[in-house]
Amino acid sequence: MRDIGRMSGFFSAYSALQTGITPYHAKYAITSVCDPKTLSDPKLLKRSKEDLDPHAIYLEENDCQDLYTEGWNEGHSQGVRAYETRDLELIGEIARLAGRLAPFYTSYTTAENDARDCQVVGEARAHFIMNWRQTGGDRRRRKGI
C-alpha cells in the first residue's frame, strides 16, 4: 500500500505542477484502495491467483490508510523535487515502481498511459517509458478482471 500511495502522490504532484490541475486526491484514493470489503477478501484484490500468498496477513483498514498516506506524502514531495530539478533518476525510479505495480491498480495499462497520467514530456517521458518497460509490466495482461 505504501508503494501505491508513493506512486499516486508522485503522479499527483508532478502532473499538478506540469498542468496546474490536480488529477489525484489522497482522500478519494484512500477510500477506494483501502475499502474494508476489498481488504478482507483476497478475491476482490486486483491480483491474479498466482500472486496471492496464502500465508500473507492482509491489512486492516487503518493500517492500509496509514501506509498509503505515508507513501503518498513521500511520493508527493518526490514529485515536486523531480519537477523542480528535472531529476531523471527519480523519474526512472517511480516509473519502475509503476511498472511493477501495474497489475495491482489496473487490469491492463501501458508505459505510455502511465506517462500520460503523470504528465511527463520530452526527455523525461522517454526516460519514464524506458524504465517502466524494464519491469515487464506491459506484458502482464490479465483477463477476466
C-alpha atoms as a PDB file:
ATOM      1  CA  MET A   1       0.000   0.000   0.000  1.00  0.00           C
ATOM      2  CA  ARG A   2       2.866   2.330   0.766  1.00  0.00           C
ATOM      3  CA  ASP A   3       4.264   1.937  -2.764  1.00  0.00           C
ATOM      4  CA  ILE A   4       0.872   2.527  -4.348  1.00  0.00           C
ATOM      5  CA  GLY A   5       0.494   5.699  -2.290  1.00  0.00           C
ATOM      6  CA  ARG A   6       4.006   6.795  -3.219  1.00  0.00           C
ATOM      7  CA  MET A   7       3.321   6.325  -6.918  1.00  0.00           C
ATOM      8  CA  SER A   8      -0.036   8.120  -6.748  1.00  0.00           C
ATOM      9  CA  GLY A   9       1.449  11.002  -4.750  1.00  0.00           C
ATOM     10  CA  PHE A  10       4.278  11.391  -7.255  1.00  0.00           C
ATOM     11  CA  PHE A  11       1.881  11.341 -10.218  1.00  0.00           C
ATOM     12  CA  SER A  12      -0.359  13.884  -8.472  1.00  0.00           C
ATOM     13  CA  ALA A  13       2.409  16.343  -7.620  1.00  0.00           C
ATOM     14  CA  TYR A  14       4.236  16.092 -10.940  1.00  0.00           C
ATOM     15  CA  SER A  15       1.141  16.436 -13.111  1.00  0.00           C
ATOM     16  CA  ALA A  16      -0.252  19.266 -10.945  1.00  0.00           C
ATOM     17  CA  LEU A  17       2.960  21.229 -11.410  1.00  0.00           C
ATOM     18  CA  GLN A  18       3.069  20.424 -15.136  1.00  0.00           C
ATOM     19  CA  THR A  19      -0.579  21.280 -15.918  1.00  0.00           C
ATOM     20  CA  GLY A  20      -1.905  23.220 -12.939  1.00  0.00           C
ATOM     21  CA  ILE A  21      -4.632  20.602 -12.402  1.00  0.00           C
ATOM     22  CA  THR A  22      -4.503  18.027  -9.594  1.00  0.00           C
ATOM     23  CA  PRO A  23      -5.753  14.710 -11.012  1.00  0.00           C
ATOM     24  CA  TYR A  24      -5.443  12.642  -7.821  1.00  0.00           C
ATOM     25  CA  HIS A  25      -6.654  13.453  -4.333  1.00  0.00           C
ATOM     26  CA  ALA A  26      -5.320  11.379  -1.447  1.00  0.00           C
ATOM     27  CA  LYS A  27      -8.600  11.113   0.475  1.00  0.00           C
ATOM     28  CA  TYR A  28     -10.502   9.708  -2.528  1.00  0.00           C
ATOM     29  CA  ALA A  29      -7.731   7.282  -3.416  1.00  0.00           C
ATOM     30  CA  ILE A  30      -7.540   6.004   0.164  1.00  0.00           C
ATOM     31  CA  THR A  31     -11.272   5.351   0.146  1.00  0.00           C
ATOM     32  CA  SER A  32     -11.091   3.188  -2.964  1.00  0.00           C
ATOM     33  CA  VAL A  33      -7.791   1.406  -2.246  1.00  0.00           C
ATOM     34  CA  CYS A  34      -8.414   0.750   1.448  1.00  0.00           C
ATOM     35  CA  ASP A  35     -12.045  -0.315   1.227  1.00  0.00           C
ATOM     36  CA  PRO A  36     -12.672  -2.775   4.114  1.00  0.00           C
ATOM     37  CA  LYS A  37     -14.618  -5.134   1.865  1.00  0.00           C
ATOM     38  CA  THR A  38     -11.695  -5.402  -0.558  1.00  0.00           C
ATOM     39  CA  LEU A  39      -9.083  -5.760   2.167  1.00  0.00           C
ATOM     40  CA  SER A  40     -10.934  -8.616   3.846  1.00  0.00           C
ATOM     41  CA  ASP A  41     -11.480 -10.617   0.666  1.00  0.00           C
ATOM     42  CA  PRO A  42      -8.356 -11.552  -1.321  1.00  0.00           C
ATOM     43  CA  LYS A  43     -10.550 -12.462  -4.281  1.00  0.00           C
ATOM     44  CA  LEU A  44     -11.513  -8.798  -4.668  1.00  0.00           C
ATOM     45  CA  LEU A  45      -7.908  -7.647  -4.805  1.00  0.00           C
ATOM     46  CA  LYS A  46      -6.858  -6.921  -8.358  1.00  0.00           C
ATOM     47  CA  ARG A  47      -4.245  -9.667  -8.319  1.00  0.00           C
ATOM     48  CA  SER A  48      -4.014 -12.918 -10.157  1.00  0.00           C
ATOM     49  CA  LYS A  49      -4.331 -16.082  -8.077  1.00  0.00           C
ATOM     50  CA  GLU A  50      -0.649 -16.834  -8.623  1.00  0.00           C
ATOM     51  CA  ASP A  51       0.302 -13.525  -6.950  1.00  0.00           C
ATOM     52  CA  LEU A  52      -1.697 -14.167  -3.781  1.00  0.00           C
ATOM     53  CA  ASP A  53       0.242 -15.561  -0.861  1.00  0.00           C
ATOM     54  CA  PRO A  54      -1.929 -17.896   1.241  1.00  0.00           C
ATOM     55  CA  HIS A  55       0.324 -17.188   4.233  1.00  0.00           C
ATOM     56  CA  ALA A  56       0.087 -13.384   3.953  1.00  0.00           C
ATOM     57  CA  ILE A  57      -1.774 -11.435   6.577  1.00  0.00           C
ATOM     58  CA  TYR A  58      -3.970  -8.930   4.826  1.00  0.00           C
ATOM     59  CA  LEU A  59      -4.081  -5.381   6.134  1.00  0.00           C
ATOM     60  CA  GLU A  60      -6.634  -3.823   8.431  1.00  0.00           C
ATOM     61  CA  GLU A  61      -8.281  -0.663   7.087  1.00  0.00           C
ATOM     62  CA  ASN A  62      -6.448   1.714   9.442  1.00  0.00           C
ATOM     63  CA  ASP A  63      -3.067   0.147   8.665  1.00  0.00           C
ATOM     64  CA  CYS A  64      -3.801   0.419   4.960  1.00  0.00           C
ATOM     65  CA  GLN A  65      -4.737   4.090   5.273  1.00  0.00           C
ATOM     66  CA  ASP A  66      -1.626   4.880   7.326  1.00  0.00           C
ATOM     67  CA  LEU A  67       0.690   3.130   4.880  1.00  0.00           C
ATOM     68  CA  TYR A  68      -0.990   4.724   1.856  1.00  0.00           C
ATOM     69  CA  THR A  69      -0.835   8.204   3.416  1.00  0.00           C
ATOM     70  CA  GLU A  70       2.830   7.758   4.347  1.00  0.00           C
ATOM     71  CA  GLY A  71       3.636   6.689   0.778  1.00  0.00           C
ATOM     72  CA  TRP A  72       1.504   9.495  -0.678  1.00  0.00           C
ATOM     73  CA  ASN A  73       3.363  12.151   1.297  1.00  0.00           C
ATOM     74  CA  GLU A  74       6.748  10.755   0.295  1.00  0.00           C
ATOM     75  CA  GLY A  75       5.735  10.456  -3.365  1.00  0.00           C
ATOM     76  CA  HIS A  76       4.237  13.936  -3.395  1.00  0.00           C
ATOM     77  CA  SER A  77       7.455  15.522  -2.103  1.00  0.00           C
ATOM     78  CA  GLN A  78       9.488  13.462  -4.590  1.00  0.00           C
ATOM     79  CA  GLY A  79       7.205  14.603  -7.425  1.00  0.00           C
ATOM     80  CA  VAL A  80       7.773  18.244  -6.518  1.00  0.00           C
ATOM     81  CA  ARG A  81      11.543  17.688  -6.293  1.00  0.00           C
ATOM     82  CA  ALA A  82      11.638  15.784  -9.620  1.00  0.00           C
ATOM     83  CA  TYR A  83       9.694  18.544 -11.361  1.00  0.00           C
ATOM     84  CA  GLU A  84      11.855  21.342  -9.967  1.00  0.00           C
ATOM     85  CA  THR A  85      15.218  19.645 -10.526  1.00  0.00           C
ATOM     86  CA  ARG A  86      14.292  17.553 -13.608  1.00  0.00           C
ATOM     87  CA  ASP A  87      15.834  14.563 -11.816  1.00  0.00           C
ATOM     88  CA  LEU A  88      15.625  11.767 -14.402  1.00  0.00           C
ATOM     89  CA  GLU A  89      16.877   9.131 -11.952  1.00  0.00           C
ATOM     90  CA  LEU A  90      13.971   9.817  -9.586  1.00  0.00           C
ATOM     91  CA  ILE A  91      11.520   9.778 -12.501  1.00  0.00           C
ATOM     92  CA  GLY A  92      13.010   6.440 -13.592  1.00  0.00           C
ATOM     93  CA  GLU A  93      12.680   5.029 -10.071  1.00  0.00           C
ATOM     94  CA  ILE A  94       8.975   5.922  -9.951  1.00  0.00           C
ATOM     95  CA  ALA A  95       8.490   4.535 -13.471  1.00  0.00           C
ATOM     96  CA  ARG A  96       9.975   1.183 -12.417  1.00  0.00           C
ATOM     97  CA  LEU A  97       7.731   1.200  -9.360  1.00  0.00           C
ATOM     98  CA  ALA A  98       4.678   1.930 -11.525  1.00  0.00           C
ATOM     99  CA  GLY A  99       5.624  -0.874 -13.910  1.00  0.00           C
ATOM    100  CA  ARG A 100       5.922  -3.381 -11.051  1.00  0.00           C
ATOM    101  CA  LEU A 101       2.611  -2.261  -9.534  1.00  0.00           C
ATOM    102  CA  ALA A 102       0.665  -2.047 -12.805  1.00  0.00           C
ATOM    103  CA  PRO A 103      -1.127  -5.381 -12.348  1.00  0.00           C
ATOM    104  CA  PHE A 104      -2.331  -4.295  -8.905  1.00  0.00           C
ATOM    105  CA  TYR A 105      -4.001  -0.986  -9.701  1.00  0.00           C
ATOM    106  CA  THR A 106      -5.473  -1.829 -13.093  1.00  0.00           C
ATOM    107  CA  SER A 107      -6.285  -4.853 -15.196  1.00  0.00           C
ATOM    108  CA  TYR A 108      -4.192  -3.518 -18.085  1.00  0.00           C
ATOM    109  CA  THR A 109      -2.031  -0.479 -18.553  1.00  0.00           C
ATOM    110  CA  THR A 110       0.921   0.573 -20.632  1.00  0.00           C
ATOM    111  CA  ALA A 111       4.003   2.667 -20.055  1.00  0.00           C
ATOM    112  CA  GLU A 112       2.558   5.320 -22.363  1.00  0.00           C
ATOM    113  CA  ASN A 113      -0.684   5.524 -20.375  1.00  0.00           C
ATOM    114  CA  ASP A 114       1.181   5.978 -17.098  1.00  0.00           C
ATOM    115  CA  ALA A 115       3.469   8.583 -18.691  1.00  0.00           C
ATOM    116  CA  ARG A 116       0.367  10.437 -19.871  1.00  0.00           C
ATOM    117  CA  ASP A 117      -1.226  10.226 -16.417  1.00  0.00           C
ATOM    118  CA  CYS A 118       1.955  11.552 -14.821  1.00  0.00           C
ATOM    119  CA  GLN A 119       2.184  14.311 -17.474  1.00  0.00           C
ATOM    120  CA  VAL A 120       5.876  13.742 -18.201  1.00  0.00           C
ATOM    121  CA  VAL A 121       7.006  15.201 -21.509  1.00  0.00           C
ATOM    122  CA  GLY A 122      10.090  15.273 -23.692  1.00  0.00           C
ATOM    123  CA  GLU A 123      13.232  13.565 -22.444  1.00  0.00           C
ATOM    124  CA  ALA A 124      11.580  12.778 -19.096  1.00  0.00           C
ATOM    125  CA  ARG A 125       8.773  10.927 -20.925  1.00  0.00           C
ATOM    126  CA  ALA A 126      11.216   8.796 -22.909  1.00  0.00           C
ATOM    127  CA  HIS A 127      13.150   8.026 -19.713  1.00  0.00           C
ATOM    128  CA  PHE A 128       9.909   7.180 -17.874  1.00  0.00           C
ATOM    129  CA  ILE A 129       8.729   4.778 -20.579  1.00  0.00           C
ATOM    130  CA  MET A 130      12.116   3.086 -20.908  1.00  0.00           C
ATOM    131  CA  ASN A 131      12.349   2.491 -17.139  1.00  0.00           C
ATOM    132  CA  TRP A 132       8.704   1.382 -16.865  1.00  0.00           C
ATOM    133  CA  ARG A 133       9.234  -1.236 -19.558  1.00  0.00           C
ATOM    134  CA  GLN A 134      12.267  -2.670 -17.774  1.00  0.00           C
ATOM    135  CA  THR A 135       9.846  -4.227 -15.287  1.00  0.00           C
ATOM    136  CA  GLY A 136       7.871  -6.128 -17.922  1.00  0.00           C
ATOM    137  CA  GLY A 137       4.634  -4.598 -16.626  1.00  0.00           C
ATOM    138  CA  ASP A 138       3.086  -4.227 -20.062  1.00  0.00           C
ATOM    139  CA  ARG A 139       3.380  -7.981 -20.680  1.00  0.00           C
ATOM    140  CA  ARG A 140       1.212  -8.859 -17.667  1.00  0.00           C
ATOM    141  CA  ARG A 141      -2.214  -8.506 -19.171  1.00  0.00           C
ATOM    142  CA  ARG A 142      -4.792 -10.430 -17.173  1.00  0.00           C
ATOM    143  CA  LYS A 143      -8.169 -11.458 -18.475  1.00  0.00           C
ATOM    144  CA  GLY A 144     -11.423 -11.575 -16.567  1.00  0.00           C
ATOM    145  CA  ILE A 145     -10.887  -8.622 -14.267  1.00  0.00           C
END
